[in-house]
Amino acid sequence: PAWTSIGLTVTLQAMEPQISTRQLAGWLQDELA
């Protein structure tokens, strides 16, 4: 489970632009304020 937890976490981090708007919201606030 330690191995699978690490794998799941890094996968979610890599997928963040597809599954979360955190980066998108940051760009909107910086560039399209």
PDB file of all heavy atoms in Angstrom:
ATOM      1  N   PRO A   1       0.813  -1.221   0.000  1.00  0.00           N
ATOM      2  CA  PRO A   1       0.000   0.000   0.000  1.00  0.00           C
ATOM      3  C   PRO A   1       0.842   1.264   0.000  1.00  0.00           C
ATOM      4  O   PRO A   1       0.400   2.296  -0.526  1.00  0.00           O
ATOM      5  CB  PRO A   1      -0.849  -0.123   1.271  1.00  0.00           C
ATOM      6  CG  PRO A   1      -0.149  -1.116   2.122  1.00  0.00           C
ATOM      7  CD  PRO A   1       0.527  -2.056   1.176  1.00  0.00           C
ATOM      8  N   ALA A   2       2.052   1.201   0.569  1.00  0.00           N
ATOM      9  CA  ALA A   2       2.937   2.373   0.500  1.00  0.00           C
ATOM     10  C   ALA A   2       3.278   2.684  -0.961  1.00  0.00           C
ATOM     11  O   ALA A   2       3.248   3.851  -1.390  1.00  0.00           O
ATOM     12  CB  ALA A   2       4.205   2.117   1.314  1.00  0.00           C
ATOM     13  N   TRP A   3       3.586   1.647  -1.731  1.00  0.00           N
ATOM     14  CA  TRP A   3       3.921   1.819  -3.154  1.00  0.00           C
ATOM     15  C   TRP A   3       2.728   2.338  -3.945  1.00  0.00           C
ATOM     16  O   TRP A   3       2.854   3.262  -4.746  1.00  0.00           O
ATOM     17  CB  TRP A   3       4.407   0.488  -3.716  1.00  0.00           C
ATOM     18  CG  TRP A   3       4.787   0.511  -5.164  1.00  0.00           C
ATOM     19  CD1 TRP A   3       4.071  -0.026  -6.211  1.00  0.00           C
ATOM     20  CD2 TRP A   3       5.959   1.066  -5.749  1.00  0.00           C
ATOM     21  NE1 TRP A   3       4.728   0.155  -7.404  1.00  0.00           N
ATOM     22  CE2 TRP A   3       5.901   0.836  -7.150  1.00  0.00           C
ATOM     23  CE3 TRP A   3       7.061   1.740  -5.232  1.00  0.00           C
ATOM     24  CZ2 TRP A   3       6.891   1.249  -8.026  1.00  0.00           C
ATOM     25  CZ3 TRP A   3       8.059   2.159  -6.106  1.00  0.00           C
ATOM     26  CH2 TRP A   3       7.973   1.917  -7.479  1.00  0.00           C
ATOM     27  N   THR A   4       1.550   1.741  -3.712  1.00  0.00           N
ATOM     28  CA  THR A   4       0.368   2.172  -4.456  1.00  0.00           C
ATOM     29  C   THR A   4      -0.043   3.590  -4.076  1.00  0.00           C
ATOM     30  O   THR A   4      -0.505   4.355  -4.932  1.00  0.00           O
ATOM     31  CB  THR A   4      -0.807   1.203  -4.228  1.00  0.00           C
ATOM     32  OG1 THR A   4      -1.065   1.084  -2.815  1.00  0.00           O
ATOM     33  CG2 THR A   4      -0.493  -0.166  -4.795  1.00  0.00           C
ATOM     34  N   SER A   5       0.140   3.975  -2.818  1.00  0.00           N
ATOM     35  CA  SER A   5      -0.205   5.334  -2.393  1.00  0.00           C
ATOM     36  C   SER A   5       0.690   6.364  -3.073  1.00  0.00           C
ATOM     37  O   SER A   5       0.213   7.418  -3.523  1.00  0.00           O
ATOM     38  CB  SER A   5      -0.086   5.468  -0.870  1.00  0.00           C
ATOM     39  OG  SER A   5      -1.034   4.656  -0.224  1.00  0.00           O
ATOM     40  N   ILE A   6       1.971   6.060  -3.155  1.00  0.00           N
ATOM     41  CA  ILE A   6       2.893   6.964  -3.846  1.00  0.00           C
ATOM     42  C   ILE A   6       2.512   7.063  -5.325  1.00  0.00           C
ATOM     43  O   ILE A   6       2.471   8.161  -5.899  1.00  0.00           O
ATOM     44  CB  ILE A   6       4.344   6.473  -3.682  1.00  0.00           C
ATOM     45  CG1 ILE A   6       4.781   6.591  -2.223  1.00  0.00           C
ATOM     46  CG2 ILE A   6       5.286   7.269  -4.588  1.00  0.00           C
ATOM     47  CD1 ILE A   6       6.105   5.921  -1.921  1.00  0.00           C
ATOM     48  N   GLY A   7       2.227   5.914  -5.938  1.00  0.00           N
ATOM     49  CA  GLY A   7       1.836   5.922  -7.343  1.00  0.00           C
ATOM     50  C   GLY A   7       0.574   6.722  -7.590  1.00  0.00           C
ATOM     51  O   GLY A   7       0.487   7.489  -8.566  1.00  0.00           O
ATOM     52  N   LEU A   8      -0.416   6.579  -6.707  1.00  0.00           N
ATOM     53  CA  LEU A   8      -1.667   7.322  -6.860  1.00  0.00           C
ATOM     54  C   LEU A   8      -1.447   8.822  -6.700  1.00  0.00           C
ATOM     55  O   LEU A   8      -1.982   9.627  -7.471  1.00  0.00           O
ATOM     56  CB  LEU A   8      -2.688   6.826  -5.838  1.00  0.00           C
ATOM     57  CG  LEU A   8      -4.057   7.516  -5.843  1.00  0.00           C
ATOM     58  CD1 LEU A   8      -4.749   7.322  -7.183  1.00  0.00           C
ATOM     59  CD2 LEU A   8      -4.935   6.982  -4.711  1.00  0.00           C
ATOM     60  N   THR A   9      -0.628   9.210  -5.721  1.00  0.00           N
ATOM     61  CA  THR A   9      -0.394  10.632  -5.464  1.00  0.00           C
ATOM     62  C   THR A   9       0.304  11.306  -6.631  1.00  0.00           C
ATOM     63  O   THR A   9      -0.117  12.380  -7.094  1.00  0.00           O
ATOM     64  CB  THR A   9       0.436  10.812  -4.179  1.00  0.00           C
ATOM     65  OG1 THR A   9      -0.292  10.265  -3.069  1.00  0.00           O
ATOM     66  CG2 THR A   9       0.703  12.289  -3.913  1.00  0.00           C
ATOM     67  N   VAL A  10       1.374  10.700  -7.144  1.00  0.00           N
ATOM     68  CA  VAL A  10       2.097  11.342  -8.243  1.00  0.00           C
ATOM     69  C   VAL A  10       1.264  11.349  -9.524  1.00  0.00           C
ATOM     70  O   VAL A  10       1.380  12.258 -10.349  1.00  0.00           O
ATOM     71  CB  VAL A  10       3.475  10.667  -8.486  1.00  0.00           C
ATOM     72  CG1 VAL A  10       4.350  10.802  -7.247  1.00  0.00           C
ATOM     73  CG2 VAL A  10       3.333   9.206  -8.885  1.00  0.00           C
ATOM     74  N   THR A  11       0.382  10.350  -9.692  1.00  0.00           N
ATOM     75  CA  THR A  11      -0.512  10.341 -10.846  1.00  0.00           C
ATOM     76  C   THR A  11      -1.510  11.489 -10.765  1.00  0.00           C
ATOM     77  O   THR A  11      -1.755  12.198 -11.753  1.00  0.00           O
ATOM     78  CB  THR A  11      -1.254   9.002 -10.948  1.00  0.00           C
ATOM     79  OG1 THR A  11      -0.301   7.943 -11.096  1.00  0.00           O
ATOM     80  CG2 THR A  11      -2.203   8.989 -12.134  1.00  0.00           C
ATOM     81  N   LEU A  12      -2.094  11.698  -9.587  1.00  0.00           N
ATOM     82  CA  LEU A  12      -3.032  12.805  -9.418  1.00  0.00           C
ATOM     83  C   LEU A  12      -2.342  14.150  -9.636  1.00  0.00           C
ATOM     84  O   LEU A  12      -2.924  15.071 -10.220  1.00  0.00           O
ATOM     85  CB  LEU A  12      -3.654  12.748  -8.019  1.00  0.00           C
ATOM     86  CG  LEU A  12      -4.683  11.641  -7.785  1.00  0.00           C
ATOM     87  CD1 LEU A  12      -5.073  11.583  -6.316  1.00  0.00           C
ATOM     88  CD2 LEU A  12      -5.904  11.834  -8.652  1.00  0.00           C
ATOM     89  N   GLN A  13      -1.093  14.271  -9.184  1.00  0.00           N
ATOM     90  CA  GLN A  13      -0.359  15.518  -9.392  1.00  0.00           C
ATOM     91  C   GLN A  13      -0.126  15.767 -10.884  1.00  0.00           C
ATOM     92  O   GLN A  13      -0.258  16.896 -11.363  1.00  0.00           O
ATOM     93  CB  GLN A  13       0.968  15.467  -8.633  1.00  0.00           C
ATOM     94  CG  GLN A  13       0.793  15.538  -7.126  1.00  0.00           C
ATOM     95  CD  GLN A  13       2.074  15.268  -6.367  1.00  0.00           C
ATOM     96  OE1 GLN A  13       3.043  14.738  -6.916  1.00  0.00           O
ATOM     97  NE2 GLN A  13       2.107  15.623  -5.090  1.00  0.00           N
ATOM     98  N   ALA A  14       0.197  14.703 -11.620  1.00  0.00           N
ATOM     99  CA  ALA A  14       0.424  14.859 -13.058  1.00  0.00           C
ATOM    100  C   ALA A  14      -0.871  15.165 -13.801  1.00  0.00           C
ATOM    101  O   ALA A  14      -0.872  15.890 -14.802  1.00  0.00           O
ATOM    102  CB  ALA A  14       1.061  13.582 -13.619  1.00  0.00           C
ATOM    103  N   MET A  15      -1.979  14.632 -13.313  1.00  0.00           N
ATOM    104  CA  MET A  15      -3.270  14.827 -13.970  1.00  0.00           C
ATOM    105  C   MET A  15      -3.963  16.114 -13.551  1.00  0.00           C
ATOM    106  O   MET A  15      -5.061  16.406 -14.035  1.00  0.00           O
ATOM    107  CB  MET A  15      -4.187  13.635 -13.662  1.00  0.00           C
ATOM    108  CG  MET A  15      -3.762  12.315 -14.251  1.00  0.00           C
ATOM    109  SD  MET A  15      -4.902  10.977 -13.779  1.00  0.00           S
ATOM    110  CE  MET A  15      -6.411  11.528 -14.584  1.00  0.00           C
ATOM    111  N   GLU A  16      -3.361  16.883 -12.670  1.00  0.00           N
ATOM    112  CA  GLU A  16      -4.059  18.022 -12.077  1.00  0.00           C
ATOM    113  C   GLU A  16      -4.694  18.971 -13.099  1.00  0.00           C
ATOM    114  O   GLU A  16      -5.839  19.403 -12.898  1.00  0.00           O
ATOM    115  CB  GLU A  16      -3.129  18.798 -11.145  1.00  0.00           C
ATOM    116  CG  GLU A  16      -3.851  19.916 -10.419  1.00  0.00           C
ATOM    117  CD  GLU A  16      -2.992  20.570  -9.350  1.00  0.00           C
ATOM    118  OE1 GLU A  16      -2.495  19.851  -8.466  1.00  0.00           O
ATOM    119  OE2 GLU A  16      -2.823  21.799  -9.416  1.00  0.00           O
ATOM    120  N   PRO A  17      -4.027  19.306 -14.207  1.00  0.00           N
ATOM    121  CA  PRO A  17      -4.699  20.207 -15.167  1.00  0.00           C
ATOM    122  C   PRO A  17      -5.995  19.639 -15.740  1.00  0.00           C
ATOM    123  O   PRO A  17      -6.859  20.399 -16.169  1.00  0.00           O
ATOM    124  CB  PRO A  17      -3.642  20.390 -16.270  1.00  0.00           C
ATOM    125  CG  PRO A  17      -2.339  20.122 -15.594  1.00  0.00           C
ATOM    126  CD  PRO A  17      -2.623  19.042 -14.601  1.00  0.00           C
ATOM    127  N   GLN A  18      -6.135  18.303 -15.762  1.00  0.00           N
ATOM    128  CA  GLN A  18      -7.346  17.692 -16.286  1.00  0.00           C
ATOM    129  C   GLN A  18      -8.425  17.480 -15.224  1.00  0.00           C
ATOM    130  O   GLN A  18      -9.611  17.381 -15.558  1.00  0.00           O
ATOM    131  CB  GLN A  18      -7.027  16.323 -16.916  1.00  0.00           C
ATOM    132  CG  GLN A  18      -6.348  16.392 -18.267  1.00  0.00           C
ATOM    133  CD  GLN A  18      -4.871  16.723 -18.158  1.00  0.00           C
ATOM    134  OE1 GLN A  18      -4.195  16.235 -17.268  1.00  0.00           O
ATOM    135  NE2 GLN A  18      -4.369  17.547 -19.060  1.00  0.00           N
ATOM    136  N   ILE A  19      -8.053  17.413 -13.948  1.00  0.00           N
ATOM    137  CA  ILE A  19      -9.016  17.033 -12.909  1.00  0.00           C
ATOM    138  C   ILE A  19      -9.232  18.113 -11.864  1.00  0.00           C
ATOM    139  O   ILE A  19     -10.023  17.929 -10.940  1.00  0.00           O
ATOM    140  CB  ILE A  19      -8.562  15.730 -12.204  1.00  0.00           C
ATOM    141  CG1 ILE A  19      -7.182  15.916 -11.562  1.00  0.00           C
ATOM    142  CG2 ILE A  19      -8.553  14.557 -13.193  1.00  0.00           C
ATOM    143  CD1 ILE A  19      -6.690  14.694 -10.801  1.00  0.00           C
ATOM    144  N   SER A  20      -8.564  19.244 -11.998  1.00  0.00           N
ATOM    145  CA  SER A  20      -8.715  20.355 -11.051  1.00  0.00           C
ATOM    146  C   SER A  20      -8.491  21.660 -11.801  1.00  0.00           C
ATOM    147  O   SER A  20      -7.738  21.706 -12.784  1.00  0.00           O
ATOM    148  CB  SER A  20      -7.715  20.228  -9.896  1.00  0.00           C
ATOM    149  OG  SER A  20      -7.762  21.376  -9.064  1.00  0.00           O
ATOM    150  N   THR A  21      -9.116  22.725 -11.313  1.00  0.00           N
ATOM    151  CA  THR A  21      -8.941  24.039 -11.953  1.00  0.00           C
ATOM    152  C   THR A  21      -7.935  24.906 -11.206  1.00  0.00           C
ATOM    153  O   THR A  21      -7.887  26.111 -11.438  1.00  0.00           O
ATOM    154  CB  THR A  21     -10.290  24.781 -12.033  1.00  0.00           C
ATOM    155  OG1 THR A  21     -10.770  25.051 -10.706  1.00  0.00           O
ATOM    156  CG2 THR A  21     -11.328  23.978 -12.811  1.00  0.00           C
ATOM    157  N   ARG A  22      -7.131  24.327 -10.335  1.00  0.00           N
ATOM    158  CA  ARG A  22      -6.203  25.150  -9.554  1.00  0.00           C
ATOM    159  C   ARG A  22      -5.259  25.940 -10.458  1.00  0.00           C
ATOM    160  O   ARG A  22      -5.113  27.164 -10.310  1.00  0.00           O
ATOM    161  CB  ARG A  22      -5.396  24.283  -8.573  1.00  0.00           C
ATOM    162  CG  ARG A  22      -4.404  25.108  -7.756  1.00  0.00           C
ATOM    163  CD  ARG A  22      -3.872  24.364  -6.557  1.00  0.00           C
ATOM    164  NE  ARG A  22      -3.034  23.229  -6.902  1.00  0.00           N
ATOM    165  CZ  ARG A  22      -2.297  22.566  -5.995  1.00  0.00           C
ATOM    166  NH1 ARG A  22      -2.330  22.926  -4.722  1.00  0.00           N
ATOM    167  NH2 ARG A  22      -1.569  21.537  -6.366  1.00  0.00           N
ATOM    168  N   GLN A  23      -4.613  25.281 -11.406  1.00  0.00           N
ATOM    169  CA  GLN A  23      -3.697  25.980 -12.309  1.00  0.00           C
ATOM    170  C   GLN A  23      -4.451  26.938 -13.224  1.00  0.00           C
ATOM    171  O   GLN A  23      -3.995  28.052 -13.489  1.00  0.00           O
ATOM    172  CB  GLN A  23      -2.911  24.966 -13.138  1.00  0.00           C
ATOM    173  CG  GLN A  23      -1.982  24.084 -12.309  1.00  0.00           C
ATOM    174  CD  GLN A  23      -1.242  23.077 -13.166  1.00  0.00           C
ATOM    175  OE1 GLN A  23      -1.094  23.259 -14.374  1.00  0.00           O
ATOM    176  NE2 GLN A  23      -0.767  21.997 -12.552  1.00  0.00           N
ATOM    177  N   LEU A  24      -5.607  26.514 -13.695  1.00  0.00           N
ATOM    178  CA  LEU A  24      -6.422  27.350 -14.564  1.00  0.00           C
ATOM    179  C   LEU A  24      -6.869  28.622 -13.850  1.00  0.00           C
ATOM    180  O   LEU A  24      -6.795  29.731 -14.408  1.00  0.00           O
ATOM    181  CB  LEU A  24      -7.638  26.549 -15.027  1.00  0.00           C
ATOM    182  CG  LEU A  24      -8.686  27.270 -15.878  1.00  0.00           C
ATOM    183  CD1 LEU A  24      -8.062  27.830 -17.150  1.00  0.00           C
ATOM    184  CD2 LEU A  24      -9.827  26.323 -16.214  1.00  0.00           C
ATOM    185  N   ALA A  25      -7.307  28.477 -12.605  1.00  0.00           N
ATOM    186  CA  ALA A  25      -7.735  29.648 -11.835  1.00  0.00           C
ATOM    187  C   ALA A  25      -6.571  30.605 -11.598  1.00  0.00           C
ATOM    188  O   ALA A  25      -6.740  31.837 -11.675  1.00  0.00           O
ATOM    189  CB  ALA A  25      -8.340  29.208 -10.506  1.00  0.00           C
ATOM    190  N   GLY A  26      -5.386  30.060 -11.341  1.00  0.00           N
ATOM    191  CA  GLY A  26      -4.217  30.922 -11.162  1.00  0.00           C
ATOM    192  C   GLY A  26      -3.906  31.724 -12.410  1.00  0.00           C
ATOM    193  O   GLY A  26      -3.580  32.920 -12.331  1.00  0.00           O
ATOM    194  N   TRP A  27      -4.020  31.075 -13.571  1.00  0.00           N
ATOM    195  CA  TRP A  27      -3.765  31.792 -14.827  1.00  0.00           C
ATOM    196  C   TRP A  27      -4.818  32.875 -15.058  1.00  0.00           C
ATOM    197  O   TRP A  27      -4.503  33.989 -15.480  1.00  0.00           O
ATOM    198  CB  TRP A  27      -3.757  30.798 -15.983  1.00  0.00           C
ATOM    199  CG  TRP A  27      -3.417  31.439 -17.297  1.00  0.00           C
ATOM    200  CD1 TRP A  27      -2.164  31.680 -17.796  1.00  0.00           C
ATOM    201  CD2 TRP A  27      -4.344  31.924 -18.285  1.00  0.00           C
ATOM    202  NE1 TRP A  27      -2.246  32.285 -19.031  1.00  0.00           N
ATOM    203  CE2 TRP A  27      -3.572  32.451 -19.348  1.00  0.00           C
ATOM    204  CE3 TRP A  27      -5.720  31.959 -18.368  1.00  0.00           C
ATOM    205  CZ2 TRP A  27      -4.147  33.006 -20.479  1.00  0.00           C
ATOM    206  CZ3 TRP A  27      -6.302  32.512 -19.495  1.00  0.00           C
ATOM    207  CH2 TRP A  27      -5.522  33.038 -20.547  1.00  0.00           C
ATOM    208  N   LEU A  28      -6.084  32.562 -14.787  1.00  0.00           N
ATOM    209  CA  LEU A  28      -7.147  33.557 -14.952  1.00  0.00           C
ATOM    210  C   LEU A  28      -6.919  34.772 -14.057  1.00  0.00           C
ATOM    211  O   LEU A  28      -7.092  35.926 -14.479  1.00  0.00           O
ATOM    212  CB  LEU A  28      -8.507  32.929 -14.627  1.00  0.00           C
ATOM    213  CG  LEU A  28      -9.050  31.898 -15.620  1.00  0.00           C
ATOM    214  CD1 LEU A  28     -10.270  31.193 -15.046  1.00  0.00           C
ATOM    215  CD2 LEU A  28      -9.397  32.553 -16.956  1.00  0.00           C
ATOM    216  N   GLN A  29      -6.507  34.532 -12.825  1.00  0.00           N
ATOM    217  CA  GLN A  29      -6.296  35.631 -11.889  1.00  0.00           C
ATOM    218  C   GLN A  29      -5.072  36.465 -12.263  1.00  0.00           C
ATOM    219  O   GLN A  29      -5.059  37.684 -12.049  1.00  0.00           O
ATOM    220  CB  GLN A  29      -6.164  35.080 -10.465  1.00  0.00           C
ATOM    221  CG  GLN A  29      -7.475  34.525  -9.921  1.00  0.00           C
ATOM    222  CD  GLN A  29      -7.294  33.682  -8.668  1.00  0.00           C
ATOM    223  OE1 GLN A  29      -6.252  33.047  -8.469  1.00  0.00           O
ATOM    224  NE2 GLN A  29      -8.297  33.663  -7.807  1.00  0.00           N
ATOM    225  N   ASP A  30      -4.065  35.827 -12.847  1.00  0.00           N
ATOM    226  CA  ASP A  30      -2.843  36.554 -13.215  1.00  0.00           C
ATOM    227  C   ASP A  30      -2.986  37.276 -14.553  1.00  0.00           C
ATOM    228  O   ASP A  30      -2.543  38.420 -14.695  1.00  0.00           O
ATOM    229  CB  ASP A  30      -1.661  35.585 -13.293  1.00  0.00           C
ATOM    230  CG  ASP A  30      -1.270  35.043 -11.927  1.00  0.00           C
ATOM    231  OD1 ASP A  30      -1.621  35.683 -10.912  1.00  0.00           O
ATOM    232  OD2 ASP A  30      -0.631  33.967 -11.883  1.00  0.00           O
ATOM    233  N   GLU A  31      -3.584  36.603 -15.533  1.00  0.00           N
ATOM    234  CA  GLU A  31      -3.578  37.122 -16.903  1.00  0.00           C
ATOM    235  C   GLU A  31      -4.878  37.804 -17.323  1.00  0.00           C
ATOM    236  O   GLU A  31      -4.868  38.667 -18.204  1.00  0.00           O
ATOM    237  CB  GLU A  31      -3.284  35.971 -17.881  1.00  0.00           C
ATOM    238  CG  GLU A  31      -1.969  35.252 -17.623  1.00  0.00           C
ATOM    239  CD  GLU A  31      -0.758  36.156 -17.796  1.00  0.00           C
ATOM    240  OE1 GLU A  31      -0.831  37.102 -18.604  1.00  0.00           O
ATOM    241  OE2 GLU A  31       0.254  35.916 -17.115  1.00  0.00           O
ATOM    242  N   LEU A  32      -5.993  37.410 -16.738  1.00  0.00           N
ATOM    243  CA  LEU A  32      -7.290  37.963 -17.168  1.00  0.00           C
ATOM    244  C   LEU A  32      -8.025  38.616 -16.008  1.00  0.00           C
ATOM    245  O   LEU A  32      -9.258  38.543 -15.916  1.00  0.00           O
ATOM    246  CB  LEU A  32      -8.155  36.863 -17.794  1.00  0.00           C
ATOM    247  CG  LEU A  32      -7.577  36.146 -19.025  1.00  0.00           C
ATOM    248  CD1 LEU A  32      -8.565  35.108 -19.544  1.00  0.00           C
ATOM    249  CD2 LEU A  32      -7.234  37.143 -20.132  1.00  0.00           C
ATOM    250  N   ALA A  33      -7.291  39.240 -15.139  1.00  0.00           N
ATOM    251  CA  ALA A  33      -7.908  39.902 -13.988  1.00  0.00           C
ATOM    252  C   ALA A  33      -8.865  40.986 -14.474  1.00  0.00           C
ATOM    253  O   ALA A  33      -8.593  41.702 -15.440  1.00  0.00           O
ATOM    254  CB  ALA A  33      -6.829  40.512 -13.097  1.00  0.00           C
TER     255      ALA A  33
END
